[in-house]
N, C-alpha and C. Protein backbone atom coordinates (compact mmCIF):
# COMPACT_ATOMS: atom_id res chain seq x y z
N UNK A 1 63.39 92.94 46.58
CA UNK A 1 63.25 92.52 45.20
C UNK A 1 64.64 92.19 44.66
N UNK A 2 64.72 91.15 43.88
CA UNK A 2 65.98 90.71 43.28
C UNK A 2 65.83 90.70 41.76
N UNK A 3 66.82 91.29 41.10
CA UNK A 3 66.81 91.32 39.64
C UNK A 3 68.01 90.55 39.13
N UNK A 4 67.79 89.62 38.23
CA UNK A 4 68.86 88.85 37.64
C UNK A 4 68.97 89.20 36.17
N UNK A 5 70.18 89.45 35.74
CA UNK A 5 70.41 89.78 34.34
C UNK A 5 71.30 88.70 33.73
N UNK A 6 70.82 88.07 32.70
CA UNK A 6 71.60 87.06 31.99
C UNK A 6 72.00 87.65 30.64
N UNK A 7 73.29 87.77 30.42
CA UNK A 7 73.77 88.35 29.17
C UNK A 7 74.10 87.23 28.20
N UNK A 8 73.77 87.45 26.96
CA UNK A 8 74.09 86.52 25.90
C UNK A 8 74.75 87.27 24.75
N UNK A 9 75.46 86.54 23.94
CA UNK A 9 76.06 87.10 22.74
C UNK A 9 75.50 86.35 21.55
N UNK A 10 75.45 87.03 20.41
CA UNK A 10 74.96 86.40 19.19
C UNK A 10 75.84 86.80 18.02
N UNK A 11 76.05 85.86 17.12
CA UNK A 11 76.80 86.09 15.90
C UNK A 11 75.87 85.80 14.74
N UNK A 12 75.65 86.82 13.91
CA UNK A 12 74.75 86.70 12.77
C UNK A 12 75.51 87.17 11.53
N UNK A 13 75.55 86.37 10.46
CA UNK A 13 76.27 86.80 9.26
C UNK A 13 75.56 87.97 8.59
N UNK A 14 76.37 88.93 8.12
CA UNK A 14 75.77 90.10 7.48
C UNK A 14 76.29 90.33 6.07
N UNK A 15 77.26 89.57 5.63
CA UNK A 15 77.83 89.78 4.31
C UNK A 15 77.98 88.48 3.55
N UNK A 16 78.81 88.53 2.54
CA UNK A 16 79.09 87.36 1.73
C UNK A 16 80.02 86.44 2.49
N UNK A 17 79.49 85.35 3.00
CA UNK A 17 80.26 84.43 3.83
C UNK A 17 79.73 83.02 3.67
N UNK A 18 80.57 82.06 3.96
CA UNK A 18 80.13 80.66 3.93
C UNK A 18 79.18 80.38 5.08
N UNK A 19 79.36 81.09 6.17
CA UNK A 19 78.57 80.88 7.37
C UNK A 19 77.17 81.44 7.20
N UNK A 20 76.18 80.64 7.51
CA UNK A 20 74.81 81.13 7.53
C UNK A 20 74.14 80.52 8.75
N UNK A 21 73.51 81.33 9.50
CA UNK A 21 72.85 80.84 10.70
C UNK A 21 73.03 81.81 11.84
N UNK A 22 72.86 81.30 13.03
CA UNK A 22 72.93 82.11 14.23
C UNK A 22 73.72 81.34 15.28
N UNK A 23 74.65 82.03 15.93
CA UNK A 23 75.41 81.44 17.02
C UNK A 23 75.08 82.24 18.27
N UNK A 24 74.62 81.55 19.30
CA UNK A 24 74.32 82.21 20.57
C UNK A 24 75.26 81.67 21.63
N UNK A 25 75.64 82.54 22.54
CA UNK A 25 76.53 82.12 23.61
C UNK A 25 76.48 83.07 24.78
N UNK A 26 77.40 82.85 25.71
CA UNK A 26 77.43 83.62 26.94
C UNK A 26 78.36 84.83 26.82
N UNK A 27 78.65 85.47 27.95
CA UNK A 27 79.50 86.66 27.96
C UNK A 27 80.90 86.36 27.45
N UNK A 28 81.40 85.16 27.69
CA UNK A 28 82.73 84.79 27.21
C UNK A 28 82.76 84.86 25.69
N UNK A 29 81.77 84.29 25.05
CA UNK A 29 81.68 84.38 23.59
C UNK A 29 81.60 85.83 23.15
N UNK A 30 80.85 86.63 23.86
CA UNK A 30 80.72 88.04 23.52
C UNK A 30 82.05 88.77 23.54
N UNK A 31 82.86 88.52 24.54
CA UNK A 31 84.18 89.16 24.63
C UNK A 31 85.07 88.68 23.49
N UNK A 32 85.06 87.38 23.22
CA UNK A 32 85.89 86.85 22.14
C UNK A 32 85.46 87.43 20.80
N UNK A 33 84.16 87.50 20.55
CA UNK A 33 83.67 88.08 19.29
C UNK A 33 84.06 89.55 19.18
N UNK A 34 83.98 90.27 20.29
CA UNK A 34 84.38 91.67 20.29
C UNK A 34 85.87 91.81 19.94
N UNK A 35 86.70 90.96 20.51
CA UNK A 35 88.13 91.02 20.24
C UNK A 35 88.45 90.64 18.80
N UNK A 36 87.67 89.74 18.22
CA UNK A 36 87.90 89.31 16.85
C UNK A 36 87.57 90.39 15.81
N UNK A 37 86.93 91.46 16.25
CA UNK A 37 86.60 92.54 15.33
C UNK A 37 87.83 93.35 14.93
N UNK A 38 88.91 93.17 15.66
CA UNK A 38 90.17 93.83 15.30
C UNK A 38 91.28 92.78 15.30
N UNK A 39 92.43 93.17 14.81
CA UNK A 39 93.57 92.26 14.75
C UNK A 39 94.00 91.89 16.17
N UNK A 40 93.94 90.61 16.50
CA UNK A 40 94.26 90.16 17.85
C UNK A 40 94.88 88.77 17.79
N UNK A 41 95.42 88.33 18.89
CA UNK A 41 96.01 86.99 18.97
C UNK A 41 95.27 86.18 20.03
N UNK A 42 95.48 84.88 19.99
CA UNK A 42 94.90 84.03 21.03
C UNK A 42 95.40 84.45 22.40
N UNK A 43 96.68 84.79 22.49
CA UNK A 43 97.27 85.19 23.77
C UNK A 43 96.59 86.44 24.32
N UNK A 44 96.29 87.38 23.43
CA UNK A 44 95.60 88.61 23.86
C UNK A 44 94.18 88.29 24.33
N UNK A 45 93.49 87.40 23.64
CA UNK A 45 92.15 87.01 24.05
C UNK A 45 92.18 86.35 25.42
N UNK A 46 93.15 85.48 25.63
CA UNK A 46 93.30 84.79 26.92
C UNK A 46 93.53 85.82 28.03
N UNK A 47 94.42 86.77 27.77
CA UNK A 47 94.73 87.79 28.77
C UNK A 47 93.49 88.61 29.11
N UNK A 48 92.74 89.00 28.10
CA UNK A 48 91.52 89.80 28.33
C UNK A 48 90.48 89.01 29.14
N UNK A 49 90.34 87.72 28.84
CA UNK A 49 89.37 86.91 29.58
C UNK A 49 89.78 86.76 31.05
N UNK A 50 91.07 86.56 31.30
CA UNK A 50 91.53 86.42 32.69
C UNK A 50 91.31 87.71 33.46
N UNK A 51 91.50 88.85 32.81
CA UNK A 51 91.28 90.13 33.47
C UNK A 51 89.79 90.40 33.72
N UNK A 52 89.00 90.11 32.74
CA UNK A 52 87.57 90.45 32.81
C UNK A 52 86.77 89.53 33.73
N UNK A 53 87.11 88.24 33.71
CA UNK A 53 86.28 87.27 34.44
C UNK A 53 86.97 86.64 35.64
N UNK A 54 88.19 87.08 35.95
CA UNK A 54 88.91 86.54 37.09
C UNK A 54 88.97 85.01 37.05
N UNK A 55 89.39 84.48 35.90
CA UNK A 55 89.57 83.04 35.73
C UNK A 55 91.05 82.76 35.51
N UNK A 56 91.42 81.51 35.64
CA UNK A 56 92.82 81.15 35.43
C UNK A 56 93.17 81.23 33.95
N UNK A 57 94.44 81.33 33.67
CA UNK A 57 94.91 81.35 32.29
C UNK A 57 94.54 80.04 31.59
N UNK A 58 94.60 78.94 32.31
CA UNK A 58 94.25 77.63 31.74
C UNK A 58 92.78 77.60 31.31
N UNK A 59 91.90 78.10 32.17
CA UNK A 59 90.47 78.12 31.84
C UNK A 59 90.20 79.03 30.65
N UNK A 60 90.81 80.22 30.66
CA UNK A 60 90.63 81.15 29.55
C UNK A 60 91.15 80.56 28.25
N UNK A 61 92.29 79.90 28.32
CA UNK A 61 92.88 79.28 27.13
C UNK A 61 91.96 78.21 26.56
N UNK A 62 91.40 77.38 27.42
CA UNK A 62 90.47 76.34 26.97
C UNK A 62 89.25 76.96 26.30
N UNK A 63 88.72 78.04 26.90
CA UNK A 63 87.55 78.70 26.34
C UNK A 63 87.86 79.30 24.96
N UNK A 64 88.98 79.98 24.85
CA UNK A 64 89.37 80.60 23.58
C UNK A 64 89.54 79.53 22.51
N UNK A 65 90.26 78.47 22.82
CA UNK A 65 90.50 77.40 21.85
C UNK A 65 89.19 76.75 21.41
N UNK A 66 88.29 76.52 22.36
CA UNK A 66 87.00 75.89 22.06
C UNK A 66 86.17 76.79 21.14
N UNK A 67 86.08 78.08 21.49
CA UNK A 67 85.28 79.00 20.69
C UNK A 67 85.86 79.15 19.29
N UNK A 68 87.17 79.35 19.19
CA UNK A 68 87.78 79.49 17.86
C UNK A 68 87.61 78.24 17.02
N UNK A 69 87.72 77.09 17.65
CA UNK A 69 87.54 75.83 16.92
C UNK A 69 86.12 75.74 16.36
N UNK A 70 85.14 76.07 17.17
CA UNK A 70 83.75 76.01 16.72
C UNK A 70 83.48 77.03 15.62
N UNK A 71 84.01 78.24 15.77
CA UNK A 71 83.81 79.26 14.74
C UNK A 71 84.48 78.87 13.43
N UNK A 72 85.64 78.22 13.51
CA UNK A 72 86.31 77.74 12.29
C UNK A 72 85.49 76.64 11.62
N UNK A 73 84.93 75.74 12.42
CA UNK A 73 84.15 74.63 11.87
C UNK A 73 82.96 75.10 11.05
N UNK A 74 82.34 76.17 11.49
CA UNK A 74 81.14 76.64 10.79
C UNK A 74 81.45 77.74 9.77
N UNK A 75 82.73 78.05 9.63
CA UNK A 75 83.13 79.06 8.64
C UNK A 75 82.78 80.47 9.04
N UNK A 76 82.74 80.74 10.34
CA UNK A 76 82.32 82.06 10.82
C UNK A 76 83.46 83.05 10.96
N UNK A 77 84.71 82.59 10.82
CA UNK A 77 85.84 83.52 10.90
C UNK A 77 86.76 83.32 9.71
N UNK A 78 87.35 84.41 9.25
CA UNK A 78 88.35 84.37 8.19
C UNK A 78 89.71 84.56 8.83
N UNK A 79 90.67 83.79 8.36
CA UNK A 79 92.03 83.92 8.91
C UNK A 79 93.01 84.17 7.80
């Protein structure tokens, strides 16, 4: 028997925010959202992704920049 587990992450607004809706994504999004819950930098997020997923710094950097750009576009993060 084979069991496959697909993990997803979700971002749902819970307070007074411009963002309304639901954002769904993969484990990468989940790690980035987790890191955004505390004071962090893009460099720290990149480092954590390279450690956790065994990806290159370039790939992690592209993922972080893409996710942050999308979250900024929809007003889901405060800076």
